[in-house]
Each structure stands twice: as structure tokens, then as C-alpha cells.
Amino acid sequence: MIKRKLVSASAELEFHDSGQGEAILFLHGFRKFNADPAFVDKVNAFGRLIAPVHPGFNEAQVPPWLDSADDAAHLYLGLLDELGIDRFHLAGAALGGWIAAEMASMAPERLKSLTLFAPVGVKLGTRDALDIPDLYKFSNEELIRAYHAPGSDAAFDPDQMSDHELADFFRSREAVALYAWEPWMHNPKLRHRLKRVACPALLARGEKDQLVAEWYLRDYAALFPSANVSQIPGAGHDLLQEAPAEVAALLTKHCAVA
């Protein structure tokens, strides 16, 4: 991991940076970025992978001015500016998908492609119901079932974590609340801004995802001028943990044809 002080944002960012060629910015979901070789090596075969740790996750500092996905989008555009990257492929999962969608609406002219895995960030259902379940009402057992497909080897169990892993787990929960608490898991304005996104978009979810429903992904995709949807068979919500090779394959294929 690289740590870099961003002059433009008065903030320090921690990020993974590997490979050469066309730049892909990947924004992780509700858990910190996992540099699994099954994902990283396949993406690096296509180009350069840049994957920041969202402020608040792990030990990443939170700038005093940051308290929303919209703020994080500005932060990452600043990172790309300081890295000298003008045009790039953009991808994100869950919370990272929300931040990526915000970025795409802000700077559509800079995107070569957009790939969102089980994204949140827009309100699509009825006003009296949550589109995305309230994670903070789940027991540990319910949380495991929500994140992972039944029998997944990637399933986590807070009751079996070390002290360090537990600290990371609780920091990630606090960070998600920082970005997504009110209104829950969405920016009311974002859905009206996505029509600006001119690049081809791909939205995908795991077939067994218990957080991002199939109808939600379909209706989210309909907000873009040009978007396709896909499912990863047998996978749950936490795709980078459960299906890193499949995520990399979908991502790089979409980047290659964009």
C-alpha cells in the first residue's frame, strides 16, 4: 500500500497501485480492499490497478470535511489529478459503486468505462421501504448470511476474529455509517444525474446477493443512457472476497470493449 498526501484535498490517502497501461480505479465495498492475486494479477494483465482504501476503513484517516460518498468522489478525482491520470476506467463495489456513480456523474468526459458490482447509492423502491436492508439491525449470523452465499469459503465470522480483525471490522462499520446513514444508502439527487454518463456501463451482482436485489440492479442500470446487467452464478454480495477471478474477468472484458 502507498500513502500519499493530496495537496488538492489536504488529505492523506492509502492506496494499492500496480501494473502498467490503461488505468483502472477500483473502489472497494463495505469491507476494505483485498489485494487477492486472483483479482489483482488478472486486472494487471490488462492495465494499471489503483485501489484506494476509503477514509475511515482500516487505519485510513478521515479528513474533517468528508462525510459523504459525494465527498469521497471529489477526493478520488483529486487523487487521479495528482497521479497525472486524465481518462480512466472506473469500477466499484457496493459503497464503492455508489462513490463511482457519483464520480461518473461529476466527470463523465474522463471515463472510458464504468463497471459497478452490487452498487448502492440511489433510491428506487417505495418511500415506505428500504431498498437496501439496515445492516445495523442484523445479528452476526444474519450479517454473514447477507454478505455471503451459503457455504462460501469467504464467509467471515466476527465471533472467530482476532483482536486486530475485530478492530478492522468495527472501523468498517463506523465508516459505512459515516457515508450512508442518513439518508440510508443513497443520495436523493444522484439518480437524476446519471443521465450525464456517456461511457458504456456494466452493472453486476452475485446470484445469491441478499443485500442488492435483482430488481434494484435492473432499475439502477435503467438510469444510465447505455448499460448492461450481469450476474455471477452462485456468488453472494461480497464479490471481491467470494469470486475475485470472476470479478476481474467481467471488469477487464468490459474495459477491453469500451
C-alpha atoms as a PDB file:
ATOM      1  CA  MET A   1       0.000   0.000   0.000  1.00  0.00           C
ATOM      2  CA  ILE A   2       1.115   3.536  -0.828  1.00  0.00           C
ATOM      3  CA  LYS A   3       0.331   6.534   1.346  1.00  0.00           C
ATOM      4  CA  ARG A   4       0.143   9.894  -0.376  1.00  0.00           C
ATOM      5  CA  LYS A   5      -0.650  13.369   0.875  1.00  0.00           C
ATOM      6  CA  LEU A   6      -3.041  15.047  -1.533  1.00  0.00           C
ATOM      7  CA  VAL A   7      -2.245  18.737  -1.850  1.00  0.00           C
ATOM      8  CA  SER A   8      -5.577  19.456  -3.547  1.00  0.00           C
ATOM      9  CA  ALA A   9      -7.648  17.973  -0.729  1.00  0.00           C
ATOM     10  CA  SER A  10      -5.458  18.394   2.369  1.00  0.00           C
ATOM     11  CA  ALA A  11      -5.852  14.683   2.989  1.00  0.00           C
ATOM     12  CA  GLU A  12      -3.722  11.557   3.113  1.00  0.00           C
ATOM     13  CA  LEU A  13      -4.822   8.535   1.112  1.00  0.00           C
ATOM     14  CA  GLU A  14      -3.704   4.921   1.308  1.00  0.00           C
ATOM     15  CA  PHE A  15      -3.979   3.022  -1.975  1.00  0.00           C
ATOM     16  CA  HIS A  16      -2.844  -0.023  -3.915  1.00  0.00           C
ATOM     17  CA  ASP A  17      -1.069   0.794  -7.198  1.00  0.00           C
ATOM     18  CA  SER A  18       0.226  -1.930  -9.526  1.00  0.00           C
ATOM     19  CA  GLY A  19       0.676  -2.701 -13.202  1.00  0.00           C
ATOM     20  CA  GLN A  20       1.061  -0.591 -16.318  1.00  0.00           C
ATOM     21  CA  GLY A  21      -1.145   0.530 -19.168  1.00  0.00           C
ATOM     22  CA  GLU A  22      -4.681   1.890 -19.093  1.00  0.00           C
ATOM     23  CA  ALA A  23      -5.661   2.986 -15.591  1.00  0.00           C
ATOM     24  CA  ILE A  24      -8.478   1.259 -13.711  1.00  0.00           C
ATOM     25  CA  LEU A  25      -9.664   2.882 -10.483  1.00  0.00           C
ATOM     26  CA  PHE A  26     -11.363   0.266  -8.293  1.00  0.00           C
ATOM     27  CA  LEU A  27     -13.321   1.358  -5.213  1.00  0.00           C
ATOM     28  CA  HIS A  28     -13.976  -1.297  -2.579  1.00  0.00           C
ATOM     29  CA  GLY A  29     -17.255  -2.037  -0.849  1.00  0.00           C
ATOM     30  CA  PHE A  30     -18.315  -2.423   2.786  1.00  0.00           C
ATOM     31  CA  ARG A  31     -15.030  -4.170   3.616  1.00  0.00           C
ATOM     32  CA  LYS A  32     -11.534  -2.844   2.901  1.00  0.00           C
ATOM     33  CA  PHE A  33      -9.769  -3.680  -0.358  1.00  0.00           C
ATOM     34  CA  ASN A  34      -8.389  -7.207  -0.562  1.00  0.00           C
ATOM     35  CA  ALA A  35      -5.412  -7.461  -2.938  1.00  0.00           C
ATOM     36  CA  ASP A  36      -6.161 -11.072  -3.833  1.00  0.00           C
ATOM     37  CA  PRO A  37      -3.794 -12.216  -6.616  1.00  0.00           C
ATOM     38  CA  ALA A  38      -6.765 -13.867  -8.353  1.00  0.00           C
ATOM     39  CA  PHE A  39      -8.146 -10.349  -8.864  1.00  0.00           C
ATOM     40  CA  VAL A  40      -5.024  -8.167  -8.996  1.00  0.00           C
ATOM     41  CA  ASP A  41      -2.979 -10.314 -11.406  1.00  0.00           C
ATOM     42  CA  LYS A  42      -5.812 -10.608 -13.925  1.00  0.00           C
ATOM     43  CA  VAL A  43      -6.508  -6.867 -13.816  1.00  0.00           C
ATOM     44  CA  ASN A  44      -2.791  -6.098 -14.163  1.00  0.00           C
ATOM     45  CA  ALA A  45      -2.702  -8.246 -17.299  1.00  0.00           C
ATOM     46  CA  PHE A  46      -4.964  -5.554 -18.777  1.00  0.00           C
ATOM     47  CA  GLY A  47      -3.593  -2.393 -17.188  1.00  0.00           C
ATOM     48  CA  ARG A  48      -2.762  -0.382 -14.091  1.00  0.00           C
ATOM     49  CA  LEU A  49      -4.871  -1.010 -10.985  1.00  0.00           C
ATOM     50  CA  ILE A  50      -5.357   1.794  -8.471  1.00  0.00           C
ATOM     51  CA  ALA A  51      -7.448   0.850  -5.442  1.00  0.00           C
ATOM     52  CA  PRO A  52      -7.697   3.298  -2.534  1.00  0.00           C
ATOM     53  CA  VAL A  53      -8.835   2.489   0.994  1.00  0.00           C
ATOM     54  CA  HIS A  54     -11.838   4.667   1.790  1.00  0.00           C
ATOM     55  CA  PRO A  55     -11.227   7.144   4.615  1.00  0.00           C
ATOM     56  CA  GLY A  56     -12.415   5.566   7.859  1.00  0.00           C
ATOM     57  CA  PHE A  57     -11.626   1.985   6.815  1.00  0.00           C
ATOM     58  CA  ASN A  58      -8.612   0.149   8.207  1.00  0.00           C
ATOM     59  CA  GLU A  59      -6.469   2.977   9.614  1.00  0.00           C
ATOM     60  CA  ALA A  60      -7.159   5.461   6.814  1.00  0.00           C
ATOM     61  CA  GLN A  61      -7.631   8.990   8.121  1.00  0.00           C
ATOM     62  CA  VAL A  62     -10.920  10.835   7.639  1.00  0.00           C
ATOM     63  CA  PRO A  63     -10.479  14.466   6.558  1.00  0.00           C
ATOM     64  CA  PRO A  64     -12.601  16.810   8.705  1.00  0.00           C
ATOM     65  CA  TRP A  65     -14.591  17.910   5.633  1.00  0.00           C
ATOM     66  CA  LEU A  66     -15.540  14.399   4.453  1.00  0.00           C
ATOM     67  CA  ASP A  67     -18.839  12.839   5.482  1.00  0.00           C
ATOM     68  CA  SER A  68     -20.497  11.529   2.314  1.00  0.00           C
ATOM     69  CA  ALA A  69     -19.986   9.442  -0.824  1.00  0.00           C
ATOM     70  CA  ASP A  70     -20.116  12.681  -2.786  1.00  0.00           C
ATOM     71  CA  ASP A  71     -17.133  13.991  -0.794  1.00  0.00           C
ATOM     72  CA  ALA A  72     -15.201  10.769  -1.422  1.00  0.00           C
ATOM     73  CA  ALA A  73     -15.854  11.145  -5.162  1.00  0.00           C
ATOM     74  CA  HIS A  74     -14.189  14.554  -5.131  1.00  0.00           C
ATOM     75  CA  LEU A  75     -11.292  13.087  -3.142  1.00  0.00           C
ATOM     76  CA  TYR A  76     -10.632  10.351  -5.707  1.00  0.00           C
ATOM     77  CA  LEU A  77     -10.860  12.721  -8.654  1.00  0.00           C
ATOM     78  CA  GLY A  78      -8.177  14.726  -6.852  1.00  0.00           C
ATOM     79  CA  LEU A  79      -6.053  11.589  -6.459  1.00  0.00           C
ATOM     80  CA  LEU A  80      -6.226  10.911 -10.199  1.00  0.00           C
ATOM     81  CA  ASP A  81      -5.343  14.543 -10.925  1.00  0.00           C
ATOM     82  CA  GLU A  82      -2.224  14.289  -8.784  1.00  0.00           C
ATOM     83  CA  LEU A  83      -1.259  10.972 -10.380  1.00  0.00           C
ATOM     84  CA  GLY A  84      -1.482  12.677 -13.780  1.00  0.00           C
ATOM     85  CA  ILE A  85      -4.313  10.445 -14.999  1.00  0.00           C
ATOM     86  CA  ASP A  86      -6.870  12.168 -17.213  1.00  0.00           C
ATOM     87  CA  ARG A  87      -9.010   9.375 -18.675  1.00  0.00           C
ATOM     88  CA  PHE A  88      -9.553   6.073 -16.894  1.00  0.00           C
ATOM     89  CA  HIS A  89     -11.773   3.035 -16.403  1.00  0.00           C
ATOM     90  CA  LEU A  90     -13.852   3.242 -13.222  1.00  0.00           C
ATOM     91  CA  ALA A  91     -15.192   0.366 -11.138  1.00  0.00           C
ATOM     92  CA  GLY A  92     -16.646  -0.007  -7.670  1.00  0.00           C
ATOM     93  CA  ALA A  93     -18.464  -2.462  -5.427  1.00  0.00           C
ATOM     94  CA  ALA A  94     -21.334  -1.719  -3.018  1.00  0.00           C
ATOM     95  CA  LEU A  95     -20.338   1.531  -1.254  1.00  0.00           C
ATOM     96  CA  GLY A  96     -17.527   1.902  -3.789  1.00  0.00           C
ATOM     97  CA  GLY A  97     -20.095   1.503  -6.556  1.00  0.00           C
ATOM     98  CA  TRP A  98     -22.018   4.431  -5.101  1.00  0.00           C
ATOM     99  CA  ILE A  99     -18.877   6.579  -4.985  1.00  0.00           C
ATOM    100  CA  ALA A 100     -18.039   5.520  -8.561  1.00  0.00           C
ATOM    101  CA  ALA A 101     -21.509   6.534  -9.743  1.00  0.00           C
ATOM    102  CA  GLU A 102     -21.042   9.944  -8.099  1.00  0.00           C
ATOM    103  CA  MET A 103     -17.684  10.336  -9.868  1.00  0.00           C
ATOM    104  CA  ALA A 104     -19.179   9.309 -13.203  1.00  0.00           C
ATOM    105  CA  SER A 105     -21.863  11.984 -12.909  1.00  0.00           C
ATOM    106  CA  MET A 106     -19.282  14.635 -11.996  1.00  0.00           C
ATOM    107  CA  ALA A 107     -16.690  13.971 -14.694  1.00  0.00           C
ATOM    108  CA  PRO A 108     -18.278  11.842 -17.445  1.00  0.00           C
ATOM    109  CA  GLU A 109     -15.799  13.099 -20.034  1.00  0.00           C
ATOM    110  CA  ARG A 110     -12.934  11.401 -18.165  1.00  0.00           C
ATOM    111  CA  LEU A 111     -14.407   7.886 -18.087  1.00  0.00           C
ATOM    112  CA  LYS A 112     -13.588   5.191 -20.615  1.00  0.00           C
ATOM    113  CA  SER A 113     -15.937   2.690 -18.973  1.00  0.00           C
ATOM    114  CA  LEU A 114     -17.944   2.200 -15.786  1.00  0.00           C
ATOM    115  CA  THR A 115     -18.387  -1.145 -14.002  1.00  0.00           C
ATOM    116  CA  LEU A 116     -20.471  -1.394 -10.827  1.00  0.00           C
ATOM    117  CA  PHE A 117     -20.669  -4.532  -8.699  1.00  0.00           C
ATOM    118  CA  ALA A 118     -23.716  -4.763  -6.404  1.00  0.00           C
ATOM    119  CA  PRO A 119     -23.840  -0.961  -6.154  1.00  0.00           C
ATOM    120  CA  VAL A 120     -25.901   1.094  -3.755  1.00  0.00           C
ATOM    121  CA  GLY A 121     -26.464   4.852  -3.842  1.00  0.00           C
ATOM    122  CA  VAL A 122     -29.877   5.543  -5.383  1.00  0.00           C
ATOM    123  CA  LYS A 123     -33.455   5.252  -4.103  1.00  0.00           C
ATOM    124  CA  LEU A 124     -35.580   3.147  -6.437  1.00  0.00           C
ATOM    125  CA  GLY A 125     -38.297   1.491  -4.355  1.00  0.00           C
ATOM    126  CA  THR A 126     -41.305   2.826  -2.467  1.00  0.00           C
ATOM    127  CA  ARG A 127     -40.848   5.620   0.057  1.00  0.00           C
ATOM    128  CA  ASP A 128     -42.010   3.471   2.985  1.00  0.00           C
ATOM    129  CA  ALA A 129     -39.449   0.673   2.492  1.00  0.00           C
ATOM    130  CA  LEU A 130     -35.661   0.426   2.466  1.00  0.00           C
ATOM    131  CA  ASP A 131     -34.123  -0.616  -0.856  1.00  0.00           C
ATOM    132  CA  ILE A 132     -31.025  -1.915   0.985  1.00  0.00           C
ATOM    133  CA  PRO A 133     -31.546  -3.714   4.332  1.00  0.00           C
ATOM    134  CA  ASP A 134     -30.394  -1.978   7.517  1.00  0.00           C
ATOM    135  CA  LEU A 135     -27.100  -3.731   8.270  1.00  0.00           C
ATOM    136  CA  TYR A 136     -27.051  -2.408  11.828  1.00  0.00           C
ATOM    137  CA  LYS A 137     -30.158  -4.354  12.789  1.00  0.00           C
ATOM    138  CA  PHE A 138     -28.584  -7.677  11.813  1.00  0.00           C
ATOM    139  CA  SER A 139     -27.161 -10.168  14.274  1.00  0.00           C
ATOM    140  CA  ASN A 140     -23.738 -11.587  13.405  1.00  0.00           C
ATOM    141  CA  GLU A 141     -25.399 -14.652  11.899  1.00  0.00           C
ATOM    142  CA  GLU A 142     -27.758 -12.535   9.792  1.00  0.00           C
ATOM    143  CA  LEU A 143     -24.867 -10.355   8.646  1.00  0.00           C
ATOM    144  CA  ILE A 144     -22.896 -13.392   7.465  1.00  0.00           C
ATOM    145  CA  ARG A 145     -25.925 -14.659   5.512  1.00  0.00           C
ATOM    146  CA  ALA A 146     -26.461 -11.216   3.973  1.00  0.00           C
ATOM    147  CA  TYR A 147     -22.850 -10.841   2.809  1.00  0.00           C
ATOM    148  CA  HIS A 148     -22.110 -14.345   1.575  1.00  0.00           C
ATOM    149  CA  ALA A 149     -23.669 -17.169  -0.361  1.00  0.00           C
ATOM    150  CA  PRO A 150     -24.485 -20.293   1.684  1.00  0.00           C
ATOM    151  CA  GLY A 151     -21.381 -22.392   2.301  1.00  0.00           C
ATOM    152  CA  SER A 152     -18.987 -19.761   0.966  1.00  0.00           C
ATOM    153  CA  ASP A 153     -15.358 -20.266   1.982  1.00  0.00           C
ATOM    154  CA  ALA A 154     -15.023 -16.472   2.127  1.00  0.00           C
ATOM    155  CA  ALA A 155     -17.661 -16.021   4.839  1.00  0.00           C
ATOM    156  CA  PHE A 156     -16.425 -14.069   7.866  1.00  0.00           C
ATOM    157  CA  ASP A 157     -17.499 -14.631  11.461  1.00  0.00           C
ATOM    158  CA  PRO A 158     -16.938 -11.796  13.966  1.00  0.00           C
ATOM    159  CA  ASP A 159     -17.024 -14.359  16.787  1.00  0.00           C
ATOM    160  CA  GLN A 160     -13.914 -16.043  15.323  1.00  0.00           C
ATOM    161  CA  MET A 161     -11.883 -12.895  14.558  1.00  0.00           C
ATOM    162  CA  SER A 162      -8.617 -11.868  16.185  1.00  0.00           C
ATOM    163  CA  ASP A 163      -8.457  -8.582  18.111  1.00  0.00           C
ATOM    164  CA  HIS A 164      -6.876  -6.870  15.082  1.00  0.00           C
ATOM    165  CA  GLU A 165      -9.526  -8.259  12.711  1.00  0.00           C
ATOM    166  CA  LEU A 166     -12.288  -7.188  15.079  1.00  0.00           C
ATOM    167  CA  ALA A 167     -10.871  -3.651  15.231  1.00  0.00           C
ATOM    168  CA  ASP A 168     -10.878  -3.520  11.409  1.00  0.00           C
ATOM    169  CA  PHE A 169     -14.424  -4.903  11.351  1.00  0.00           C
ATOM    170  CA  PHE A 170     -15.784  -2.286  13.741  1.00  0.00           C
ATOM    171  CA  ARG A 171     -13.929   0.530  11.971  1.00  0.00           C
ATOM    172  CA  SER A 172     -15.514  -0.548   8.698  1.00  0.00           C
ATOM    173  CA  ARG A 173     -18.985  -0.485  10.286  1.00  0.00           C
ATOM    174  CA  GLU A 174     -18.367   3.003  11.642  1.00  0.00           C
ATOM    175  CA  ALA A 175     -17.127   4.130   8.231  1.00  0.00           C
ATOM    176  CA  VAL A 176     -20.188   2.784   6.421  1.00  0.00           C
ATOM    177  CA  ALA A 177     -22.367   4.780   8.810  1.00  0.00           C
ATOM    178  CA  LEU A 178     -20.336   7.913   8.031  1.00  0.00           C
ATOM    179  CA  TYR A 179     -21.106   7.614   4.316  1.00  0.00           C
ATOM    180  CA  ALA A 180     -24.525   6.008   4.268  1.00  0.00           C
ATOM    181  CA  TRP A 181     -26.513   6.630   7.447  1.00  0.00           C
ATOM    182  CA  GLU A 182     -28.840   9.488   6.502  1.00  0.00           C
ATOM    183  CA  PRO A 183     -30.473   9.120   4.089  1.00  0.00           C
ATOM    184  CA  TRP A 184     -29.865   5.385   4.243  1.00  0.00           C
ATOM    185  CA  MET A 185     -27.606   4.100   1.460  1.00  0.00           C
ATOM    186  CA  HIS A 186     -28.443   6.744  -1.143  1.00  0.00           C
ATOM    187  CA  ASN A 187     -28.093  10.298  -2.389  1.00  0.00           C
ATOM    188  CA  PRO A 188     -31.565  11.534  -3.438  1.00  0.00           C
ATOM    189  CA  LYS A 189     -30.015  13.654  -6.198  1.00  0.00           C
ATOM    190  CA  LEU A 190     -27.796  11.006  -7.782  1.00  0.00           C
ATOM    191  CA  ARG A 191     -30.441   9.191  -9.821  1.00  0.00           C
ATOM    192  CA  HIS A 192     -31.192  12.430 -11.679  1.00  0.00           C
ATOM    193  CA  ARG A 193     -27.519  12.968 -12.559  1.00  0.00           C
ATOM    194  CA  LEU A 194     -26.646   9.606 -14.085  1.00  0.00           C
ATOM    195  CA  LYS A 195     -28.080  10.550 -17.481  1.00  0.00           C
ATOM    196  CA  ARG A 196     -24.828  12.523 -17.960  1.00  0.00           C
ATOM    197  CA  VAL A 197     -22.763   9.325 -18.034  1.00  0.00           C
ATOM    198  CA  ALA A 198     -21.853   8.802 -21.684  1.00  0.00           C
ATOM    199  CA  CYS A 199     -19.492   5.805 -21.423  1.00  0.00           C
ATOM    200  CA  PRO A 200     -20.766   2.197 -21.535  1.00  0.00           C
ATOM    201  CA  ALA A 201     -21.813   0.912 -18.109  1.00  0.00           C
ATOM    202  CA  LEU A 202     -21.990  -2.630 -16.752  1.00  0.00           C
ATOM    203  CA  LEU A 203     -23.806  -3.457 -13.512  1.00  0.00           C
ATOM    204  CA  ALA A 204     -23.364  -6.899 -11.946  1.00  0.00           C
ATOM    205  CA  ARG A 205     -24.363  -8.736  -8.775  1.00  0.00           C
ATOM    206  CA  GLY A 206     -23.931 -12.147  -7.232  1.00  0.00           C
ATOM    207  CA  GLU A 207     -26.797 -14.516  -7.887  1.00  0.00           C
ATOM    208  CA  LYS A 208     -27.207 -15.132  -4.120  1.00  0.00           C
ATOM    209  CA  ASP A 209     -26.792 -11.495  -3.029  1.00  0.00           C
ATOM    210  CA  GLN A 210     -29.083 -10.760  -0.057  1.00  0.00           C
ATOM    211  CA  LEU A 211     -28.370  -7.007   0.048  1.00  0.00           C
ATOM    212  CA  VAL A 212     -28.660  -5.777  -3.541  1.00  0.00           C
ATOM    213  CA  ALA A 213     -31.740  -7.333  -5.125  1.00  0.00           C
ATOM    214  CA  GLU A 214     -32.056  -8.266  -8.787  1.00  0.00           C
ATOM    215  CA  TRP A 215     -34.836  -5.700  -9.329  1.00  0.00           C
ATOM    216  CA  TYR A 216     -32.691  -2.980  -7.742  1.00  0.00           C
ATOM    217  CA  LEU A 217     -29.750  -3.678 -10.067  1.00  0.00           C
ATOM    218  CA  ARG A 218     -32.032  -3.729 -13.115  1.00  0.00           C
ATOM    219  CA  ASP A 219     -33.697  -0.429 -12.223  1.00  0.00           C
ATOM    220  CA  TYR A 220     -30.328   1.146 -11.338  1.00  0.00           C
ATOM    221  CA  ALA A 221     -28.996   0.212 -14.788  1.00  0.00           C
ATOM    222  CA  ALA A 222     -32.015   1.849 -16.411  1.00  0.00           C
ATOM    223  CA  LEU A 223     -30.858   5.230 -15.076  1.00  0.00           C
ATOM    224  CA  PHE A 224     -27.832   5.195 -17.417  1.00  0.00           C
ATOM    225  CA  PRO A 225     -28.084   6.061 -21.112  1.00  0.00           C
ATOM    226  CA  SER A 226     -26.270   2.826 -22.013  1.00  0.00           C
ATOM    227  CA  ALA A 227     -25.939  -0.046 -19.537  1.00  0.00           C
ATOM    228  CA  ASN A 228     -25.984  -3.842 -19.385  1.00  0.00           C
ATOM    229  CA  VAL A 229     -26.557  -6.109 -16.391  1.00  0.00           C
ATOM    230  CA  SER A 230     -24.942  -9.387 -15.408  1.00  0.00           C
ATOM    231  CA  GLN A 231     -24.985 -11.947 -12.592  1.00  0.00           C
ATOM    232  CA  ILE A 232     -22.178 -14.063 -11.165  1.00  0.00           C
ATOM    233  CA  PRO A 233     -23.640 -17.554 -10.584  1.00  0.00           C
ATOM    234  CA  GLY A 234     -23.595 -18.865  -7.034  1.00  0.00           C
ATOM    235  CA  ALA A 235     -21.957 -15.758  -5.509  1.00  0.00           C
ATOM    236  CA  GLY A 236     -23.243 -13.593  -2.686  1.00  0.00           C
ATOM    237  CA  HIS A 237     -22.814  -9.886  -2.037  1.00  0.00           C
ATOM    238  CA  ASP A 238     -19.110  -9.691  -1.169  1.00  0.00           C
ATOM    239  CA  LEU A 239     -17.898 -10.463  -4.671  1.00  0.00           C
ATOM    240  CA  LEU A 240     -14.266  -9.475  -4.264  1.00  0.00           C
ATOM    241  CA  GLN A 241     -13.942 -11.997  -1.432  1.00  0.00           C
ATOM    242  CA  GLU A 242     -16.057 -14.768  -2.958  1.00  0.00           C
ATOM    243  CA  ALA A 243     -15.378 -14.502  -6.683  1.00  0.00           C
ATOM    244  CA  PRO A 244     -12.241 -12.384  -7.305  1.00  0.00           C
ATOM    245  CA  ALA A 245     -11.340 -14.080 -10.603  1.00  0.00           C
ATOM    246  CA  GLU A 246     -14.890 -13.713 -11.939  1.00  0.00           C
ATOM    247  CA  VAL A 247     -14.988 -10.032 -10.921  1.00  0.00           C
ATOM    248  CA  ALA A 248     -11.661  -9.418 -12.654  1.00  0.00           C
ATOM    249  CA  ALA A 249     -12.844 -11.236 -15.790  1.00  0.00           C
ATOM    250  CA  LEU A 250     -16.054  -9.188 -16.037  1.00  0.00           C
ATOM    251  CA  LEU A 251     -14.201  -5.955 -15.350  1.00  0.00           C
ATOM    252  CA  THR A 252     -11.383  -6.432 -17.833  1.00  0.00           C
ATOM    253  CA  LYS A 253     -13.711  -7.728 -20.551  1.00  0.00           C
ATOM    254  CA  HIS A 254     -15.868  -4.627 -20.189  1.00  0.00           C
ATOM    255  CA  CYS A 255     -12.815  -2.363 -20.196  1.00  0.00           C
ATOM    256  CA  ALA A 256     -11.469  -4.045 -23.328  1.00  0.00           C
ATOM    257  CA  VAL A 257     -14.612  -3.482 -25.385  1.00  0.00           C
ATOM    258  CA  ALA A 258     -15.331   0.053 -24.148  1.00  0.00           C
END
